[in-house]
Protein backbone atom coordinates (compact mmCIF):
# COMPACT_ATOMS: atom_id res chain seq x y z
CA MET A 1 43.41 14.21 67.28
CA LYS A 2 40.63 16.13 65.55
CA GLN A 3 40.93 18.87 68.17
CA VAL A 4 44.67 19.16 67.47
CA PHE A 5 43.99 19.67 63.78
CA VAL A 6 41.38 22.32 64.56
CA ILE A 7 43.81 24.18 66.84
CA ALA A 8 46.55 23.93 64.21
CA ALA A 9 44.19 25.31 61.57
CA VAL A 10 43.24 28.22 63.81
CA VAL A 11 46.91 28.97 64.54
CA LEU A 12 47.73 28.85 60.82
CA SER A 13 44.79 31.14 60.03
CA VAL A 14 45.90 33.62 62.68
CA SER A 15 49.47 33.50 61.33
CA VAL A 16 48.35 34.14 57.76
CA ASN A 17 46.04 36.96 58.88
CA ALA A 18 48.86 38.50 60.91
CA GLN A 19 51.11 38.44 57.85
CA GLN A 20 48.38 40.11 55.79
CA VAL A 21 47.92 42.83 58.39
CA LYS A 22 51.67 43.33 58.49
CA ALA A 23 51.89 43.58 54.71
CA LYS A 24 49.02 46.07 54.65
CA GLN A 25 50.80 48.22 57.23
CA VAL A 26 54.07 48.11 55.31
CA ILE A 27 52.29 49.15 52.11
CA SER A 28 50.38 51.89 53.92
CA ASP A 29 53.62 53.22 55.40
CA ALA A 30 55.25 53.11 51.97
CA GLU A 31 52.40 55.17 50.57
CA SER A 32 52.70 57.76 53.35
CA GLN A 33 56.45 58.02 52.90
CA THR A 34 56.16 58.39 49.14
CA GLN A 35 53.50 61.08 49.49
CA LEU A 36 55.91 62.97 51.73
CA LEU A 37 58.73 62.50 49.22
CA LEU A 38 56.54 63.65 46.34
CA LYS A 39 55.82 66.97 48.03
CA GLU A 40 59.51 67.76 48.34
CA VAL A 41 60.31 66.44 44.88
CA ASN A 42 57.66 68.60 43.24
CA ALA A 43 58.85 71.65 45.15
CA MET A 44 62.44 71.08 44.00
CA ARG A 45 61.38 70.45 40.41
CA THR A 46 59.64 73.83 40.31
CA ALA A 47 63.03 75.46 40.73
CA LYS A 48 65.07 72.85 38.80
CA PRO A 49 62.84 71.05 36.26
CA ASP A 50 65.79 69.13 34.79
CA LEU A 51 65.99 67.15 38.01
CA VAL A 52 63.48 64.37 37.54
CA SER A 53 63.99 61.77 40.26
CA PRO A 54 64.95 61.58 43.96
CA ARG A 55 68.05 59.40 44.45
CA THR A 56 69.23 59.61 48.06
CA LEU A 57 70.03 61.93 50.96
CA GLU A 58 73.25 63.90 50.94
CA ASN A 59 74.25 65.55 54.20
CA GLY A 60 70.68 64.98 55.32
CA GLN A 61 69.20 66.78 52.32
CA LEU A 62 67.29 65.34 49.38
CA LYS A 63 69.44 64.70 46.32
CA MET A 64 67.65 64.79 42.96
CA VAL A 65 69.09 63.60 39.66
CA ALA A 66 68.56 64.28 35.96
CA ALA A 67 67.16 61.72 33.54
CA LYS A 68 70.66 60.69 32.40
CA ASP A 69 71.56 59.41 35.89
CA TRP A 70 71.58 55.62 36.12
CA THR A 71 69.10 55.71 39.00
CA SER A 72 66.47 57.93 37.33
CA GLY A 73 64.09 55.08 36.52
CA PHE A 74 63.72 53.69 40.02
CA PHE A 75 61.39 56.33 41.44
CA PRO A 76 58.88 55.95 38.58
CA GLY A 77 59.15 52.23 39.26
CA VAL A 78 58.36 52.78 42.94
CA LEU A 79 55.22 54.64 41.87
CA TRP A 80 54.22 51.83 39.51
CA PHE A 81 54.67 49.27 42.27
CA LEU A 82 52.49 51.32 44.63
CA TYR A 83 49.84 51.31 41.92
CA ASP A 84 50.31 47.57 41.49
CA LEU A 85 49.94 46.99 45.25
CA THR A 86 46.98 49.33 45.84
CA ARG A 87 45.29 49.89 42.44
CA LYS A 88 44.78 53.51 43.40
CA SER A 89 44.48 55.75 40.36
CA GLU A 90 46.55 58.52 41.93
CA TRP A 91 49.64 56.29 41.97
CA LYS A 92 49.09 55.40 38.32
CA THR A 93 48.89 59.07 37.42
CA GLU A 94 52.06 59.92 39.33
CA ALA A 95 53.84 56.95 37.77
CA GLN A 96 52.85 58.04 34.26
CA ASN A 97 54.02 61.59 34.92
CA PHE A 98 57.44 60.63 36.27
CA THR A 99 57.94 57.92 33.66
CA ALA A 100 57.41 60.45 30.88
CA LEU A 101 60.26 62.57 32.23
CA ILE A 102 62.79 59.86 31.31
CA GLU A 103 61.69 59.09 27.76
CA LYS A 104 64.46 61.11 26.13
CA GLU A 105 66.95 58.56 27.46
CA LYS A 106 65.75 56.02 24.88
CA THR A 107 68.36 57.31 22.42
CA ASN A 108 71.19 57.88 24.89
CA GLY A 109 73.83 55.45 23.67
CA GLY A 110 76.45 56.69 26.09
CA THR A 111 75.41 54.37 28.92
CA HIS A 112 74.75 50.70 29.57
CA ASP A 113 72.16 51.56 32.24
CA MET A 114 69.26 51.60 29.78
CA GLY A 115 67.53 48.74 31.57
CA PHE A 116 67.71 50.40 34.96
CA LYS A 117 66.38 53.65 33.54
CA ILE A 118 63.84 52.48 30.97
CA TYR A 119 62.78 48.99 31.99
CA CYS A 120 62.22 49.86 35.65
CA SER A 121 59.98 52.74 34.56
CA PHE A 122 58.49 52.06 31.11
CA GLY A 123 58.77 48.30 31.57
CA ASN A 124 56.60 48.31 34.66
CA GLY A 125 54.29 50.80 33.02
CA TYR A 126 53.85 48.47 30.05
CA ARG A 127 53.27 45.49 32.33
CA LEU A 128 50.45 47.30 34.10
CA THR A 129 48.86 49.28 31.26
CA HIS A 130 49.97 47.77 27.93
CA ASP A 131 50.26 51.31 26.62
CA PRO A 132 51.51 50.91 22.99
CA HIS A 133 53.66 54.02 23.35
CA TYR A 134 55.57 52.28 26.13
CA THR A 135 56.21 49.43 23.70
CA ASP A 136 57.85 51.85 21.25
CA VAL A 137 60.07 53.31 23.97
CA ILE A 138 61.16 49.87 25.20
CA ILE A 139 62.09 48.74 21.68
CA GLN A 140 63.99 51.93 20.84
CA SER A 141 65.84 51.79 24.16
CA ALA A 142 66.89 48.18 23.56
CA LYS A 143 68.16 49.02 20.08
CA THR A 144 70.17 51.86 21.59
CA LEU A 145 71.61 49.58 24.26
CA ALA A 146 72.56 46.98 21.63
CA THR A 147 74.85 49.53 19.93
CA ARG A 148 77.19 49.08 22.90
CA PHE A 149 77.68 45.38 22.12
CA ASN A 150 81.04 44.29 20.70
CA PRO A 151 80.93 40.92 18.89
CA LYS A 152 84.66 40.43 19.52
CA THR A 153 84.31 40.58 23.30
CA GLY A 154 80.79 39.14 23.31
CA VAL A 155 79.58 41.64 25.89
CA ILE A 156 78.02 45.08 26.22
CA ARG A 157 80.43 47.80 27.28
CA SER A 158 79.51 49.23 30.67
CA TRP A 159 81.43 52.47 31.15
CA ASP A 160 82.93 55.06 28.83
CA HIS A 161 84.62 56.96 31.66
CA SER A 162 87.98 56.32 33.37
CA LYS A 163 89.66 55.21 30.14
CA GLU A 164 93.00 55.41 31.90
CA LYS A 165 91.87 52.49 34.10
CA TRP A 166 90.13 50.20 31.61
CA ASP A 167 90.00 49.47 27.91
CA TYR A 168 86.54 47.84 27.72
CA PRO A 169 85.07 47.53 31.23
CA VAL A 170 82.09 45.30 31.93
CA ILE A 171 80.48 45.27 35.37
CA ILE A 172 78.32 42.58 36.92
CA ASP A 173 75.54 45.18 37.25
CA ASN A 174 75.10 44.96 33.49
CA MET A 175 73.26 41.65 33.92
CA MET A 176 70.30 43.72 35.10
CA ASN A 177 70.01 45.51 31.76
CA LEU A 178 69.49 42.31 29.75
CA GLU A 179 65.81 42.06 30.66
CA LEU A 180 65.15 45.10 28.48
CA LEU A 181 66.70 43.31 25.50
CA PHE A 182 64.70 40.14 26.05
CA GLU A 183 61.44 42.08 26.38
CA ALA A 184 62.12 44.19 23.30
CA ALA A 185 62.93 41.06 21.30
CA LYS A 186 59.51 39.65 22.16
CA LEU A 187 57.68 42.91 21.49
CA SER A 188 59.43 43.63 18.19
CA GLY A 189 60.18 40.17 16.84
CA ASP A 190 63.84 41.20 16.49
CA ALA A 191 65.68 38.09 17.69
CA SER A 192 69.06 39.82 17.41
CA LEU A 193 68.31 41.70 20.62
CA ALA A 194 67.89 38.46 22.56
CA LYS A 195 71.08 37.10 20.97
CA VAL A 196 73.00 40.08 22.36
CA ALA A 197 71.58 39.40 25.82
CA ILE A 198 72.47 35.69 25.63
CA SER A 199 76.00 36.39 24.47
CA HIS A 200 76.49 38.87 27.29
CA ALA A 201 75.14 36.43 29.88
CA ASN A 202 77.30 33.55 28.60
CA THR A 203 80.47 35.62 28.52
CA THR A 204 79.75 37.06 31.97
CA MET A 205 79.20 33.57 33.35
CA LYS A 206 82.54 32.51 31.91
CA ASN A 207 84.66 35.44 33.04
CA HIS A 208 83.04 37.16 36.02
CA PHE A 209 82.78 34.28 38.49
CA ARG A 210 85.22 32.51 40.76
CA ALA A 211 85.22 28.83 41.68
CA ASP A 212 82.98 29.54 44.69
CA TYR A 213 80.49 31.42 42.45
CA SER A 214 81.27 34.80 43.92
CA SER A 215 81.57 37.55 41.33
CA TYR A 216 84.16 40.10 40.36
CA HIS A 217 82.82 43.60 39.95
CA VAL A 218 84.69 44.78 36.85
CA VAL A 219 86.18 42.67 34.05
CA ASP A 220 88.26 44.53 31.46
CA TYR A 221 88.44 43.18 27.89
CA ASP A 222 90.86 43.61 24.99
CA THR A 223 88.74 44.64 22.02
CA ALA A 224 91.36 43.42 19.54
CA THR A 225 91.43 39.85 20.83
CA GLY A 226 88.34 39.58 23.03
CA ASN A 227 90.53 38.30 25.87
CA VAL A 228 90.26 39.39 29.48
CA ILE A 229 92.87 41.98 30.48
CA LYS A 230 92.17 42.08 34.20
CA LYS A 231 89.54 41.48 36.86
CA THR A 232 89.10 44.20 39.44
CA THR A 233 86.63 46.21 41.51
CA HIS A 234 85.33 49.74 41.71
CA GLN A 235 82.81 49.60 44.55
CA GLY A 236 83.93 46.53 46.46
CA PHE A 237 86.54 46.24 49.22
CA ALA A 238 89.19 44.56 47.07
CA ASN A 239 89.62 42.97 43.66
CA GLU A 240 89.14 39.48 45.12
CA SER A 241 86.36 40.38 47.57
CA ALA A 242 82.63 39.74 47.13
CA TRP A 243 80.89 43.11 46.88
CA ALA A 244 77.40 42.43 48.25
CA ARG A 245 75.32 44.24 45.66
CA GLY A 246 77.38 42.66 42.91
CA GLN A 247 76.41 39.23 44.19
CA SER A 248 72.77 40.30 44.23
CA TRP A 249 72.93 41.54 40.63
CA GLY A 250 74.27 38.16 39.54
CA LEU A 251 71.62 36.18 41.40
CA TYR A 252 68.79 38.28 40.01
CA GLY A 253 70.23 38.52 36.50
CA PHE A 254 70.85 34.83 35.87
CA THR A 255 67.48 33.91 37.37
CA MET A 256 65.88 36.29 34.87
CA CYS A 257 67.95 34.80 32.04
CA TYR A 258 66.60 31.35 32.88
CA ARG A 259 63.06 32.71 32.79
CA GLU A 260 63.61 34.20 29.34
CA THR A 261 65.51 31.29 27.75
CA LYS A 262 64.71 28.18 29.84
CA ASP A 263 68.42 27.33 29.47
CA LYS A 264 69.21 25.22 32.53
CA LYS A 265 72.78 26.48 32.82
CA TYR A 266 71.39 29.84 33.93
CA LEU A 267 69.22 28.20 36.59
CA ASP A 268 72.17 26.16 37.85
CA HIS A 269 74.32 29.29 37.97
CA ALA A 270 71.70 31.27 39.87
CA GLU A 271 71.37 28.45 42.38
CA HIS A 272 75.13 28.38 42.92
CA ILE A 273 75.16 32.15 43.53
CA ALA A 274 72.28 31.76 45.99
CA GLU A 275 74.21 29.07 47.85
CA PHE A 276 77.26 31.33 48.06
CA ILE A 277 75.19 34.15 49.52
CA LEU A 278 73.01 32.18 51.91
CA HIS A 279 75.81 30.01 53.32
CA HIS A 280 78.49 32.66 53.57
CA PRO A 281 79.92 32.79 57.11
CA ASN A 282 79.76 36.59 57.07
CA LEU A 283 76.06 36.78 56.22
CA PRO A 284 74.40 38.25 59.32
CA LYS A 285 71.66 36.36 61.12
CA ASP A 286 69.04 38.77 59.78
CA TYR A 287 70.20 38.07 56.18
CA VAL A 288 70.87 41.74 55.43
CA PRO A 289 74.49 41.69 54.19
CA TYR A 290 77.36 43.97 54.98
CA TRP A 291 78.31 46.11 51.98
CA ASP A 292 81.01 43.57 51.11
CA PHE A 293 81.13 39.98 52.30
CA ASN A 294 84.87 40.40 52.90
CA ALA A 295 84.85 43.89 54.42
CA PRO A 296 87.70 43.99 56.96
CA GLY A 297 85.81 45.50 59.89
CA ILE A 298 82.91 43.03 60.11
CA PRO A 299 80.77 43.17 62.23
CA ASN A 300 81.43 46.92 62.47
CA GLU A 301 80.76 47.60 58.80
CA PRO A 302 77.79 49.29 57.11
CA ARG A 303 75.00 47.07 55.83
CA ASP A 304 73.59 47.31 52.33
CA VAL A 305 69.82 47.06 52.42
CA SER A 306 69.69 47.60 48.65
CA ALA A 307 71.59 44.34 48.16
CA ALA A 308 69.22 42.56 50.55
CA ALA A 309 66.17 43.82 48.65
CA VAL A 310 67.59 42.66 45.30
CA ILE A 311 68.44 39.26 46.81
CA ALA A 312 64.93 38.87 48.22
CA SER A 313 63.29 39.73 44.91
CA GLY A 314 65.64 37.39 43.06
CA LEU A 315 65.04 34.54 45.48
CA TYR A 316 61.27 34.85 45.14
CA GLU A 317 61.64 34.37 41.41
CA LEU A 318 64.25 31.62 41.76
CA SER A 319 61.80 29.72 43.99
CA LEU A 320 59.49 29.43 40.98
CA TYR A 321 62.01 27.38 39.00
CA SER A 322 64.17 25.56 41.56
CA LYS A 323 63.56 22.32 43.41
CA LYS A 324 64.74 24.25 46.49
CA VAL A 325 61.55 26.26 46.46
CA LYS A 326 61.03 26.16 50.23
CA THR A 327 64.62 27.15 50.99
CA TYR A 328 64.66 30.13 48.70
CA ARG A 329 61.20 31.35 49.60
CA ALA A 330 61.96 31.08 53.31
CA ALA A 331 65.19 33.03 52.86
CA ALA A 332 63.39 35.76 50.92
CA ASP A 333 60.70 35.92 53.60
CA LYS A 334 63.37 36.26 56.27
CA ILE A 335 65.03 39.14 54.45
CA MET A 336 61.72 40.92 53.99
CA GLU A 337 60.80 40.43 57.63
CA SER A 338 64.18 41.80 58.75
CA ILE A 339 63.85 44.84 56.50
CA ALA A 340 60.32 45.51 57.73
CA LYS A 341 61.41 45.29 61.37
CA TYR A 342 64.77 47.02 61.39
CA TYR A 343 65.56 48.89 58.17
CA ARG A 344 62.48 50.88 57.25
CA SER A 345 62.44 54.62 57.74
CA THR A 346 60.55 55.88 60.74
CA PRO A 347 57.29 57.28 59.33
CA GLY A 348 57.72 60.95 58.51
CA GLU A 349 61.54 60.78 58.40
CA ASN A 350 64.26 60.47 55.75
CA HIS A 351 62.38 62.93 53.52
CA GLY A 352 60.00 60.15 52.55
CA PHE A 353 62.32 57.35 51.43
CA ILE A 354 60.90 53.97 52.42
CA LEU A 355 64.11 52.26 53.58
CA ASP A 356 67.33 53.30 55.27
CA HIS A 357 70.84 51.84 55.74
CA SER A 358 71.95 51.18 52.17
CA THR A 359 75.47 51.64 50.87
CA GLY A 360 76.21 53.03 47.43
CA SER A 361 80.02 53.14 47.26
CA LYS A 362 81.97 52.60 50.46
CA PRO A 363 85.45 52.92 48.87
CA SER A 364 84.66 56.46 47.73
CA ASN A 365 82.70 57.17 50.92
CA THR A 366 79.61 58.18 48.98
CA GLU A 367 76.05 57.20 49.88
CA VAL A 368 77.08 55.21 52.93
CA ASP A 369 74.33 54.17 55.39
CA VAL A 370 71.64 56.23 53.66
CA PRO A 371 68.35 55.70 51.82
CA LEU A 372 68.70 54.83 48.13
CA ASN A 373 65.92 54.82 45.56
CA TYR A 374 66.89 51.43 44.16
CA ALA A 375 66.61 49.86 47.61
CA ASP A 376 63.03 51.12 47.77
CA TYR A 377 62.40 49.88 44.22
CA TYR A 378 63.54 46.29 44.74
CA TYR A 379 61.90 46.11 48.15
CA LEU A 380 58.53 47.01 46.65
CA GLU A 381 59.14 44.63 43.77
CA ALA A 382 59.79 41.88 46.31
CA LEU A 383 56.56 42.83 48.09
CA VAL A 384 54.68 42.53 44.80
CA ARG A 385 56.28 39.17 44.11
CA ALA A 386 55.52 37.87 47.60
CA GLN A 387 51.91 38.96 47.21
CA ARG A 388 51.62 37.28 43.80
CA LEU A 389 53.08 34.07 45.23
CA LYS A 390 50.54 34.11 48.04
CA ASP A 391 47.72 34.67 45.57
CA LYS A 392 49.19 32.09 43.14
CA LYS A 393 49.37 34.65 40.35
CA SER A 394 52.10 35.38 37.85
CA PHE A 395 54.73 38.04 38.64
CA PHE A 396 54.92 39.16 35.08
CA ASN A 397 51.53 40.44 34.08
CA ASN A 398 48.90 42.87 35.30
């Protein structure tokens, strides 16, 4: 019997060491890819300095965006995560440089994407450096975001465009911007910012979800009464379908809300969303979803690796709070293993993006089966979280 235990211990040690080697290789490849991307980004910025962040590939060519683009904060976040994973000063320097390029967005009240832009860049920077200037930017950005809150509807307005389609549209993605409000409330002592986030989360929970805990993409509100006008989609297959990235935003967002409030209804809701995702009959065996769980051409539909990365990161956090810790951690591990095996860019390709095979908006045929900077961001965040779990350290500090 003793010999069996010894053999088992050796096998476990080999398995753990193999995982460590694999993680080191993934991180090393991510560094090499990002170094390649940086060279092209810097060359493009010489000619067009207003373009601050690489977003995707368009017709095989690198597409850069200005600071006002909703995705501008993800590349600085990628750089911060590489610093977090390696502690190499060069990544910190690059992260600081690209983060600074987005600061002007702190007063841009024309968008709900303040969290994506500012928290993914300045938020990670603050977590890793505690730079007091980053504190000021986070607080100002949250105050700007809060101006989009309507007490009558109880939610933050998402879009100002397409007014012929919606009166007061709110998208499930907006759950991801609440973390900025919670953090700014703690840093500033202004509890009103957290109250806005809680109201938005509660109203979204009430109006965005179906009986099976799948989510609508867009809910339109009447600002005179606060009532729902209609529930629809913009990036999903159909109004009643389950757009994959939308489901991932909900899982991640309500898990985060539980962390910030310890209100059990958010934990219960996140668990229900996780059950919907993980037990859906159209979830592929590798746990990387099709762009919509109800896309009509499954299995001949594009995958969305960005949704998978968000799900993995969300599940790692959910495993900290749920009694289903083993289930959620195993599912996150499976997603990360699948991405590492089948969805990473071949080293030296895709202009330096880390992952491939994400889908931005299939209905408009834009960014379909391409790299996306937010897929890279949430993948690296999930790597950081997996590493912290292994080392029994907190996700949320340096």
